[in-house]
Amino acid sequence: LSCAASGRTFGSDFLSWFRQAPGKEERDFVAGIRQTTGGTYYAD
């Protein structure tokens, strides 16, 4: 999957992916990347 960002993205700390499964109201964290350090984080 690709996410094209435009605008003041440099002001963000985290850029992340979430997902919402069929029939569920909640949107769950999948993965994130911290712009300042490049650190990556994942759901179990």
All heavy atoms as atom14 arrays in JSON, in Angstrom:
{
  "sequence": "LSCAASGRTFGSDFLSWFRQAPGKEERDFVAGIRQTTGGTYYAD",
  "atom14_mask": [
    [1, 1, 1, 1, 1, 1, 1, 1, 0, 0, 0, 0, 0, 0],
    [1, 1, 1, 1, 1, 1, 0, 0, 0, 0, 0, 0, 0, 0],
    [1, 1, 1, 1, 1, 1, 0, 0, 0, 0, 0, 0, 0, 0],
    [1, 1, 1, 1, 1, 0, 0, 0, 0, 0, 0, 0, 0, 0],
    [1, 1, 1, 1, 1, 0, 0, 0, 0, 0, 0, 0, 0, 0],
    [1, 1, 1, 1, 1, 1, 0, 0, 0, 0, 0, 0, 0, 0],
    [1, 1, 1, 1, 0, 0, 0, 0, 0, 0, 0, 0, 0, 0],
    [1, 1, 1, 1, 1, 1, 1, 1, 1, 1, 1, 0, 0, 0],
    [1, 1, 1, 1, 1, 1, 1, 0, 0, 0, 0, 0, 0, 0],
    [1, 1, 1, 1, 1, 1, 1, 1, 1, 1, 1, 0, 0, 0],
    [1, 1, 1, 1, 0, 0, 0, 0, 0, 0, 0, 0, 0, 0],
    [1, 1, 1, 1, 1, 1, 0, 0, 0, 0, 0, 0, 0, 0],
    [1, 1, 1, 1, 1, 1, 1, 1, 0, 0, 0, 0, 0, 0],
    [1, 1, 1, 1, 1, 1, 1, 1, 1, 1, 1, 0, 0, 0],
    [1, 1, 1, 1, 1, 1, 1, 1, 0, 0, 0, 0, 0, 0],
    [1, 1, 1, 1, 1, 1, 0, 0, 0, 0, 0, 0, 0, 0],
    [1, 1, 1, 1, 1, 1, 1, 1, 1, 1, 1, 1, 1, 1],
    [1, 1, 1, 1, 1, 1, 1, 1, 1, 1, 1, 0, 0, 0],
    [1, 1, 1, 1, 1, 1, 1, 1, 1, 1, 1, 0, 0, 0],
    [1, 1, 1, 1, 1, 1, 1, 1, 1, 0, 0, 0, 0, 0],
    [1, 1, 1, 1, 1, 0, 0, 0, 0, 0, 0, 0, 0, 0],
    [1, 1, 1, 1, 1, 1, 1, 0, 0, 0, 0, 0, 0, 0],
    [1, 1, 1, 1, 0, 0, 0, 0, 0, 0, 0, 0, 0, 0],
    [1, 1, 1, 1, 1, 1, 1, 1, 1, 0, 0, 0, 0, 0],
    [1, 1, 1, 1, 1, 1, 1, 1, 1, 0, 0, 0, 0, 0],
    [1, 1, 1, 1, 1, 1, 1, 1, 1, 0, 0, 0, 0, 0],
    [1, 1, 1, 1, 1, 1, 1, 1, 1, 1, 1, 0, 0, 0],
    [1, 1, 1, 1, 1, 1, 1, 1, 0, 0, 0, 0, 0, 0],
    [1, 1, 1, 1, 1, 1, 1, 1, 1, 1, 1, 0, 0, 0],
    [1, 1, 1, 1, 1, 1, 1, 0, 0, 0, 0, 0, 0, 0],
    [1, 1, 1, 1, 1, 0, 0, 0, 0, 0, 0, 0, 0, 0],
    [1, 1, 1, 1, 0, 0, 0, 0, 0, 0, 0, 0, 0, 0],
    [1, 1, 1, 1, 1, 1, 1, 1, 0, 0, 0, 0, 0, 0],
    [1, 1, 1, 1, 1, 1, 1, 1, 1, 1, 1, 0, 0, 0],
    [1, 1, 1, 1, 1, 1, 1, 1, 1, 0, 0, 0, 0, 0],
    [1, 1, 1, 1, 1, 1, 1, 0, 0, 0, 0, 0, 0, 0],
    [1, 1, 1, 1, 1, 1, 1, 0, 0, 0, 0, 0, 0, 0],
    [1, 1, 1, 1, 0, 0, 0, 0, 0, 0, 0, 0, 0, 0],
    [1, 1, 1, 1, 0, 0, 0, 0, 0, 0, 0, 0, 0, 0],
    [1, 1, 1, 1, 1, 1, 1, 0, 0, 0, 0, 0, 0, 0],
    [1, 1, 1, 1, 1, 1, 1, 1, 1, 1, 1, 1, 0, 0],
    [1, 1, 1, 1, 1, 1, 1, 1, 1, 1, 1, 1, 0, 0],
    [1, 1, 1, 1, 1, 0, 0, 0, 0, 0, 0, 0, 0, 0],
    [1, 1, 1, 1, 1, 1, 1, 1, 0, 0, 0, 0, 0, 0]
  ],
  "atom14_positions": [
    [[0.84, -1.18, 0.0], [0.0, 0.0, 0.0], [0.89, 1.24, 0.0], [1.96, 1.24, 0.6], [-0.9, 0.02, 1.23], [-1.79, -1.21, 1.45], [-2.67, -1.01, 2.68], [-2.62, -1.51, 0.23], [0.0, 0.0, 0.0], [0.0, 0.0, 0.0], [0.0, 0.0, 0.0], [0.0, 0.0, 0.0], [0.0, 0.0, 0.0], [0.0, 0.0, 0.0]],
    [[0.4, 2.26, -0.67], [1.14, 3.51, -0.75], [0.28, 4.66, -0.25], [-0.92, 4.7, -0.52], [1.56, 3.75, -2.2], [2.27, 4.97, -2.31], [0.0, 0.0, 0.0], [0.0, 0.0, 0.0], [0.0, 0.0, 0.0], [0.0, 0.0, 0.0], [0.0, 0.0, 0.0], [0.0, 0.0, 0.0], [0.0, 0.0, 0.0], [0.0, 0.0, 0.0]],
    [[0.92, 5.57, 0.47], [0.24, 6.76, 0.96], [1.02, 7.98, 0.47], [2.15, 8.21, 0.92], [0.16, 6.75, 2.48], [-0.48, 8.28, 3.21], [0.0, 0.0, 0.0], [0.0, 0.0, 0.0], [0.0, 0.0, 0.0], [0.0, 0.0, 0.0], [0.0, 0.0, 0.0], [0.0, 0.0, 0.0], [0.0, 0.0, 0.0], [0.0, 0.0, 0.0]],
    [[0.41, 8.71, -0.45], [1.04, 9.93, -0.96], [0.61, 11.1, -0.1], [-0.58, 11.37, 0.06], [0.64, 10.14, -2.41], [0.0, 0.0, 0.0], [0.0, 0.0, 0.0], [0.0, 0.0, 0.0], [0.0, 0.0, 0.0], [0.0, 0.0, 0.0], [0.0, 0.0, 0.0], [0.0, 0.0, 0.0], [0.0, 0.0, 0.0], [0.0, 0.0, 0.0]],
    [[1.61, 11.77, 0.46], [1.32, 12.88, 1.37], [1.68, 14.21, 0.73], [2.69, 14.32, 0.04], [2.11, 12.69, 2.66], [0.0, 0.0, 0.0], [0.0, 0.0, 0.0], [0.0, 0.0, 0.0], [0.0, 0.0, 0.0], [0.0, 0.0, 0.0], [0.0, 0.0, 0.0], [0.0, 0.0, 0.0], [0.0, 0.0, 0.0], [0.0, 0.0, 0.0]],
    [[0.86, 15.19, 0.96], [1.15, 16.54, 0.48], [0.79, 17.53, 1.59], [0.02, 17.23, 2.48], [0.37, 16.85, -0.79], [-1.02, 16.77, -0.55], [0.0, 0.0, 0.0], [0.0, 0.0, 0.0], [0.0, 0.0, 0.0], [0.0, 0.0, 0.0], [0.0, 0.0, 0.0], [0.0, 0.0, 0.0], [0.0, 0.0, 0.0], [0.0, 0.0, 0.0]],
    [[1.38, 18.7, 1.51], [1.13, 19.69, 2.54], [2.22, 19.65, 3.59], [3.32, 19.17, 3.36], [0.0, 0.0, 0.0], [0.0, 0.0, 0.0], [0.0, 0.0, 0.0], [0.0, 0.0, 0.0], [0.0, 0.0, 0.0], [0.0, 0.0, 0.0], [0.0, 0.0, 0.0], [0.0, 0.0, 0.0], [0.0, 0.0, 0.0], [0.0, 0.0, 0.0]],
    [[1.91, 20.09, 4.79], [2.9, 20.25, 5.84], [3.16, 18.95, 6.59], [3.06, 18.88, 7.82], [2.45, 21.33, 6.81], [2.34, 22.7, 6.16], [1.77, 23.72, 7.14], [2.59, 23.9, 8.32], [3.63, 24.72, 8.41], [3.97, 25.45, 7.35], [4.31, 24.85, 9.53], [0.0, 0.0, 0.0], [0.0, 0.0, 0.0], [0.0, 0.0, 0.0]],
    [[3.54, 17.91, 5.86], [3.79, 16.62, 6.5], [5.02, 16.64, 7.39], [5.14, 15.84, 8.3], [3.95, 15.52, 5.45], [4.98, 15.9, 4.54], [2.66, 15.31, 4.69], [0.0, 0.0, 0.0], [0.0, 0.0, 0.0], [0.0, 0.0, 0.0], [0.0, 0.0, 0.0], [0.0, 0.0, 0.0], [0.0, 0.0, 0.0], [0.0, 0.0, 0.0]],
    [[5.92, 17.61, 7.15], [7.14, 17.66, 7.95], [6.83, 18.04, 9.38], [7.64, 17.86, 10.28], [8.14, 18.63, 7.34], [7.61, 20.03, 7.18], [7.63, 20.93, 8.23], [7.09, 20.45, 5.97], [7.14, 22.2, 8.09], [6.6, 21.73, 5.82], [6.63, 22.61, 6.88], [0.0, 0.0, 0.0], [0.0, 0.0, 0.0], [0.0, 0.0, 0.0]],
    [[5.62, 18.59, 9.6], [5.23, 18.95, 10.96], [4.75, 17.79, 11.77], [4.6, 17.89, 12.99], [0.0, 0.0, 0.0], [0.0, 0.0, 0.0], [0.0, 0.0, 0.0], [0.0, 0.0, 0.0], [0.0, 0.0, 0.0], [0.0, 0.0, 0.0], [0.0, 0.0, 0.0], [0.0, 0.0, 0.0], [0.0, 0.0, 0.0], [0.0, 0.0, 0.0]],
    [[4.51, 16.65, 11.13], [4.0, 15.48, 11.85], [5.14, 14.68, 12.47], [6.23, 14.61, 11.91], [3.21, 14.58, 10.9], [1.96, 15.16, 10.59], [0.0, 0.0, 0.0], [0.0, 0.0, 0.0], [0.0, 0.0, 0.0], [0.0, 0.0, 0.0], [0.0, 0.0, 0.0], [0.0, 0.0, 0.0], [0.0, 0.0, 0.0], [0.0, 0.0, 0.0]],
    [[4.85, 14.1, 13.62], [5.82, 13.25, 14.3], [5.71, 11.82, 13.78], [6.69, 11.22, 13.36], [5.56, 13.29, 15.81], [6.63, 12.61, 16.61], [7.72, 12.35, 16.06], [6.39, 12.3, 17.8], [0.0, 0.0, 0.0], [0.0, 0.0, 0.0], [0.0, 0.0, 0.0], [0.0, 0.0, 0.0], [0.0, 0.0, 0.0], [0.0, 0.0, 0.0]],
    [[4.49, 11.31, 13.77], [4.25, 9.95, 13.3], [3.4, 9.96, 12.03], [2.43, 10.71, 11.9], [3.5, 9.13, 14.36], [4.41, 8.44, 15.34], [4.79, 9.06, 16.5], [4.88, 7.15, 15.08], [5.63, 8.43, 17.41], [5.71, 6.52, 15.98], [6.09, 7.15, 17.15], [0.0, 0.0, 0.0], [0.0, 0.0, 0.0], [0.0, 0.0, 0.0]],
    [[3.77, 9.07, 11.11], [2.94, 8.72, 9.97], [2.61, 7.24, 10.14], [3.53, 6.43, 10.31], [3.67, 8.96, 8.65], [4.1, 10.4, 8.38], [4.95, 10.48, 7.13], [2.87, 11.3, 8.25], [0.0, 0.0, 0.0], [0.0, 0.0, 0.0], [0.0, 0.0, 0.0], [0.0, 0.0, 0.0], [0.0, 0.0, 0.0], [0.0, 0.0, 0.0]],
    [[1.33, 6.92, 10.12], [0.95, 5.55, 10.48], [-0.14, 5.0, 9.57], [-0.79, 5.74, 8.84], [0.45, 5.51, 11.93], [1.49, 5.84, 12.83], [0.0, 0.0, 0.0], [0.0, 0.0, 0.0], [0.0, 0.0, 0.0], [0.0, 0.0, 0.0], [0.0, 0.0, 0.0], [0.0, 0.0, 0.0], [0.0, 0.0, 0.0], [0.0, 0.0, 0.0]],
    [[-0.3, 3.7, 9.68], [-1.39, 3.0, 9.0], [-2.31, 2.38, 10.06], [-1.84, 1.78, 11.04], [-0.84, 1.88, 8.12], [-0.18, 2.36, 6.86], [1.14, 2.65, 6.69], [-0.81, 2.59, 5.6], [1.38, 3.05, 5.41], [0.19, 3.02, 4.7], [-2.12, 2.47, 5.13], [-0.07, 3.33, 3.37], [-2.38, 2.78, 3.81], [-1.37, 3.21, 2.94]],
    [[-3.59, 2.54, 9.82], [-4.62, 1.92, 10.62], [-5.5, 1.08, 9.69], [-5.46, 1.25, 8.48], [-5.49, 2.97, 11.32], [-4.84, 3.62, 12.51], [-3.83, 4.55, 12.33], [-5.24, 3.31, 13.79], [-3.22, 5.16, 13.42], [-4.65, 3.92, 14.9], [-3.64, 4.85, 14.7], [0.0, 0.0, 0.0], [0.0, 0.0, 0.0], [0.0, 0.0, 0.0]],
    [[-6.31, 0.21, 10.27], [-7.27, -0.54, 9.46], [-8.56, -0.73, 10.22], [-8.57, -0.78, 11.45], [-6.69, -1.89, 9.05], [-6.45, -2.88, 10.18], [-5.76, -4.14, 9.65], [-5.53, -5.13, 10.7], [-4.84, -6.26, 10.5], [-4.32, -6.53, 9.3], [-4.68, -7.11, 11.49], [0.0, 0.0, 0.0], [0.0, 0.0, 0.0], [0.0, 0.0, 0.0]],
    [[-9.63, -0.82, 9.44], [-10.96, -1.03, 10.0], [-11.57, -2.25, 9.32], [-11.83, -2.23, 8.11], [-11.83, 0.2, 9.78], [-13.16, 0.16, 10.48], [-13.84, 1.51, 10.48], [-13.28, 2.52, 10.03], [-15.04, 1.58, 11.02], [0.0, 0.0, 0.0], [0.0, 0.0, 0.0], [0.0, 0.0, 0.0], [0.0, 0.0, 0.0], [0.0, 0.0, 0.0]],
    [[-11.77, -3.29, 10.1], [-12.29, -4.54, 9.57], [-13.79, -4.44, 9.33], [-14.47, -3.61, 9.96], [-11.99, -5.67, 10.55], [0.0, 0.0, 0.0], [0.0, 0.0, 0.0], [0.0, 0.0, 0.0], [0.0, 0.0, 0.0], [0.0, 0.0, 0.0], [0.0, 0.0, 0.0], [0.0, 0.0, 0.0], [0.0, 0.0, 0.0], [0.0, 0.0, 0.0]],
    [[-14.33, -5.28, 8.46], [-15.76, -5.24, 8.16], [-16.61, -5.44, 9.42], [-16.33, -6.34, 10.22], [-15.96, -6.39, 7.19], [-14.63, -6.63, 6.58], [-13.63, -6.29, 7.64], [0.0, 0.0, 0.0], [0.0, 0.0, 0.0], [0.0, 0.0, 0.0], [0.0, 0.0, 0.0], [0.0, 0.0, 0.0], [0.0, 0.0, 0.0], [0.0, 0.0, 0.0]],
    [[-17.6, -4.6, 9.59], [-18.5, -4.73, 10.72], [-17.96, -4.2, 12.03], [-18.65, -4.28, 13.04], [0.0, 0.0, 0.0], [0.0, 0.0, 0.0], [0.0, 0.0, 0.0], [0.0, 0.0, 0.0], [0.0, 0.0, 0.0], [0.0, 0.0, 0.0], [0.0, 0.0, 0.0], [0.0, 0.0, 0.0], [0.0, 0.0, 0.0], [0.0, 0.0, 0.0]],
    [[-16.75, -3.67, 12.04], [-16.17, -3.14, 13.28], [-16.14, -1.62, 13.24], [-15.88, -1.02, 12.2], [-14.75, -3.67, 13.48], [-14.7, -5.15, 13.84], [-13.31, -5.53, 14.3], [-13.26, -6.97, 14.81], [-11.92, -7.33, 15.33], [0.0, 0.0, 0.0], [0.0, 0.0, 0.0], [0.0, 0.0, 0.0], [0.0, 0.0, 0.0], [0.0, 0.0, 0.0]],
    [[-16.4, -1.01, 14.36], [-16.38, 0.43, 14.45], [-14.98, 0.97, 14.69], [-14.64, 2.06, 14.25], [-17.31, 0.91, 15.56], [-18.78, 0.7, 15.29], [-19.65, 1.39, 16.31], [-19.1, 2.07, 17.19], [-20.87, 1.24, 16.22], [0.0, 0.0, 0.0], [0.0, 0.0, 0.0], [0.0, 0.0, 0.0], [0.0, 0.0, 0.0], [0.0, 0.0, 0.0]],
    [[-14.18, 0.18, 15.4], [-12.86, 0.71, 15.75], [-11.91, 0.6, 14.58], [-12.02, -0.28, 13.74], [-12.29, -0.02, 16.98], [-12.07, -1.51, 16.81], [-13.27, -2.31, 17.21], [-14.39, -1.76, 17.21], [-13.09, -3.5, 17.5], [0.0, 0.0, 0.0], [0.0, 0.0, 0.0], [0.0, 0.0, 0.0], [0.0, 0.0, 0.0], [0.0, 0.0, 0.0]],
    [[-10.98, 1.53, 14.59], [-9.93, 1.57, 13.59], [-8.64, 1.22, 14.34], [-8.23, 1.95, 15.25], [-9.87, 2.96, 12.98], [-9.19, 3.05, 11.64], [-9.38, 4.42, 11.03], [-10.74, 4.62, 10.53], [-11.13, 5.69, 9.85], [-10.26, 6.66, 9.62], [-12.37, 5.8, 9.41], [0.0, 0.0, 0.0], [0.0, 0.0, 0.0], [0.0, 0.0, 0.0]],
    [[-8.01, 0.12, 13.95], [-6.87, -0.4, 14.7], [-5.53, -0.01, 14.1], [-5.36, -0.02, 12.87], [-6.93, -1.93, 14.77], [-8.17, -2.43, 15.51], [-8.58, -1.77, 16.48], [-8.73, -3.46, 15.08], [0.0, 0.0, 0.0], [0.0, 0.0, 0.0], [0.0, 0.0, 0.0], [0.0, 0.0, 0.0], [0.0, 0.0, 0.0], [0.0, 0.0, 0.0]],
    [[-4.59, 0.29, 14.96], [-3.23, 0.6, 14.53], [-2.59, -0.62, 13.88], [-2.71, -1.74, 14.39], [-2.42, 1.04, 15.75], [-0.97, 1.27, 15.49], [-0.53, 2.46, 14.93], [-0.04, 0.3, 15.79], [0.81, 2.69, 14.69], [1.32, 0.51, 15.57], [1.73, 1.71, 15.01], [0.0, 0.0, 0.0], [0.0, 0.0, 0.0], [0.0, 0.0, 0.0]],
    [[-1.91, -0.39, 12.77], [-1.18, -1.47, 12.09], [0.33, -1.24, 12.19], [1.07, -2.1, 12.64], [-1.59, -1.55, 10.6], [-0.77, -2.61, 9.88], [-3.08, -1.82, 10.47], [0.0, 0.0, 0.0], [0.0, 0.0, 0.0], [0.0, 0.0, 0.0], [0.0, 0.0, 0.0], [0.0, 0.0, 0.0], [0.0, 0.0, 0.0], [0.0, 0.0, 0.0]],
    [[0.76, -0.06, 11.77], [2.19, 0.24, 11.78], [2.38, 1.75, 11.74], [1.53, 2.47, 11.21], [2.9, -0.41, 10.59], [0.0, 0.0, 0.0], [0.0, 0.0, 0.0], [0.0, 0.0, 0.0], [0.0, 0.0, 0.0], [0.0, 0.0, 0.0], [0.0, 0.0, 0.0], [0.0, 0.0, 0.0], [0.0, 0.0, 0.0], [0.0, 0.0, 0.0]],
    [[3.52, 2.2, 12.28], [3.81, 3.62, 12.27], [5.3, 3.86, 12.12], [6.12, 3.0, 12.47], [0.0, 0.0, 0.0], [0.0, 0.0, 0.0], [0.0, 0.0, 0.0], [0.0, 0.0, 0.0], [0.0, 0.0, 0.0], [0.0, 0.0, 0.0], [0.0, 0.0, 0.0], [0.0, 0.0, 0.0], [0.0, 0.0, 0.0], [0.0, 0.0, 0.0]],
    [[5.62, 5.02, 11.59], [7.02, 5.41, 11.44], [7.19, 6.82, 11.99], [6.38, 7.72, 11.71], [7.49, 5.31, 9.98], [8.99, 5.58, 9.86], [6.69, 6.23, 9.06], [9.58, 5.15, 8.51], [0.0, 0.0, 0.0], [0.0, 0.0, 0.0], [0.0, 0.0, 0.0], [0.0, 0.0, 0.0], [0.0, 0.0, 0.0], [0.0, 0.0, 0.0]],
    [[8.24, 6.99, 12.81], [8.5, 8.29, 13.4], [9.44, 9.08, 12.5], [10.54, 8.59, 12.19], [9.11, 8.11, 14.78], [9.12, 9.38, 15.61], [9.39, 9.1, 17.06], [8.87, 10.18, 17.89], [8.81, 10.15, 19.21], [9.24, 9.07, 19.86], [8.33, 11.16, 19.87], [0.0, 0.0, 0.0], [0.0, 0.0, 0.0], [0.0, 0.0, 0.0]],
    [[9.04, 10.23, 12.08], [9.79, 10.96, 11.07], [11.15, 11.42, 11.58], [12.13, 11.43, 10.82], [8.98, 12.16, 10.59], [7.73, 11.78, 9.84], [7.33, 12.85, 8.84], [7.69, 12.79, 7.68], [6.59, 13.83, 9.32], [0.0, 0.0, 0.0], [0.0, 0.0, 0.0], [0.0, 0.0, 0.0], [0.0, 0.0, 0.0], [0.0, 0.0, 0.0]],
    [[11.26, 11.78, 12.83], [12.51, 12.32, 13.34], [13.6, 11.27, 13.49], [14.77, 11.54, 13.23], [12.28, 12.97, 14.71], [11.61, 12.03, 15.56], [11.44, 14.23, 14.57], [0.0, 0.0, 0.0], [0.0, 0.0, 0.0], [0.0, 0.0, 0.0], [0.0, 0.0, 0.0], [0.0, 0.0, 0.0], [0.0, 0.0, 0.0], [0.0, 0.0, 0.0]],
    [[13.19, 10.05, 13.84], [14.2, 9.02, 14.11], [14.19, 7.89, 13.08], [15.13, 7.11, 13.0], [13.95, 8.39, 15.49], [12.68, 7.72, 15.47], [13.95, 9.45, 16.58], [0.0, 0.0, 0.0], [0.0, 0.0, 0.0], [0.0, 0.0, 0.0], [0.0, 0.0, 0.0], [0.0, 0.0, 0.0], [0.0, 0.0, 0.0], [0.0, 0.0, 0.0]],
    [[13.11, 7.8, 12.32], [12.96, 6.67, 11.41], [12.52, 5.4, 12.11], [12.43, 4.34, 11.48], [0.0, 0.0, 0.0], [0.0, 0.0, 0.0], [0.0, 0.0, 0.0], [0.0, 0.0, 0.0], [0.0, 0.0, 0.0], [0.0, 0.0, 0.0], [0.0, 0.0, 0.0], [0.0, 0.0, 0.0], [0.0, 0.0, 0.0], [0.0, 0.0, 0.0]],
    [[12.26, 5.49, 13.39], [11.84, 4.32, 14.14], [10.5, 3.79, 13.65], [9.63, 4.56, 13.28], [0.0, 0.0, 0.0], [0.0, 0.0, 0.0], [0.0, 0.0, 0.0], [0.0, 0.0, 0.0], [0.0, 0.0, 0.0], [0.0, 0.0, 0.0], [0.0, 0.0, 0.0], [0.0, 0.0, 0.0], [0.0, 0.0, 0.0], [0.0, 0.0, 0.0]],
    [[10.37, 2.47, 13.63], [9.14, 1.85, 13.16], [8.48, 1.05, 14.28], [9.17, 0.51, 15.16], [9.42, 0.93, 11.96], [10.4, -0.04, 12.33], [9.91, 1.73, 10.77], [0.0, 0.0, 0.0], [0.0, 0.0, 0.0], [0.0, 0.0, 0.0], [0.0, 0.0, 0.0], [0.0, 0.0, 0.0], [0.0, 0.0, 0.0], [0.0, 0.0, 0.0]],
    [[7.17, 1.0, 14.21], [6.39, 0.37, 15.27], [5.28, -0.45, 14.61], [4.71, -0.02, 13.62], [5.78, 1.43, 16.18], [6.81, 2.35, 16.77], [7.3, 3.44, 16.04], [7.32, 2.15, 18.05], [8.27, 4.28, 16.56], [8.28, 3.0, 18.58], [8.75, 4.06, 17.83], [9.71, 4.89, 18.36], [0.0, 0.0, 0.0], [0.0, 0.0, 0.0]],
    [[5.0, -1.63, 15.19], [4.04, -2.54, 14.58], [3.08, -3.12, 15.61], [3.46, -3.34, 16.77], [4.77, -3.69, 13.89], [5.68, -3.26, 12.78], [7.04, -3.04, 13.0], [5.17, -3.02, 11.5], [7.88, -2.62, 11.99], [6.0, -2.6, 10.47], [7.35, -2.4, 10.73], [8.17, -1.97, 9.71], [0.0, 0.0, 0.0], [0.0, 0.0, 0.0]],
    [[1.87, -3.38, 15.16], [0.93, -4.11, 15.99], [1.38, -5.56, 16.07], [1.96, -6.1, 15.11], [-0.47, -4.02, 15.39], [0.0, 0.0, 0.0], [0.0, 0.0, 0.0], [0.0, 0.0, 0.0], [0.0, 0.0, 0.0], [0.0, 0.0, 0.0], [0.0, 0.0, 0.0], [0.0, 0.0, 0.0], [0.0, 0.0, 0.0], [0.0, 0.0, 0.0]],
    [[1.11, -6.2, 17.18], [1.52, -7.6, 17.35], [0.91, -8.5, 16.28], [1.53, -9.48, 15.86], [1.11, -8.09, 18.75], [1.94, -7.48, 19.85], [3.05, -6.97, 19.56], [1.49, -7.51, 21.01], [0.0, 0.0, 0.0], [0.0, 0.0, 0.0], [0.0, 0.0, 0.0], [0.0, 0.0, 0.0], [0.0, 0.0, 0.0], [0.0, 0.0, 0.0]]
  ]
}
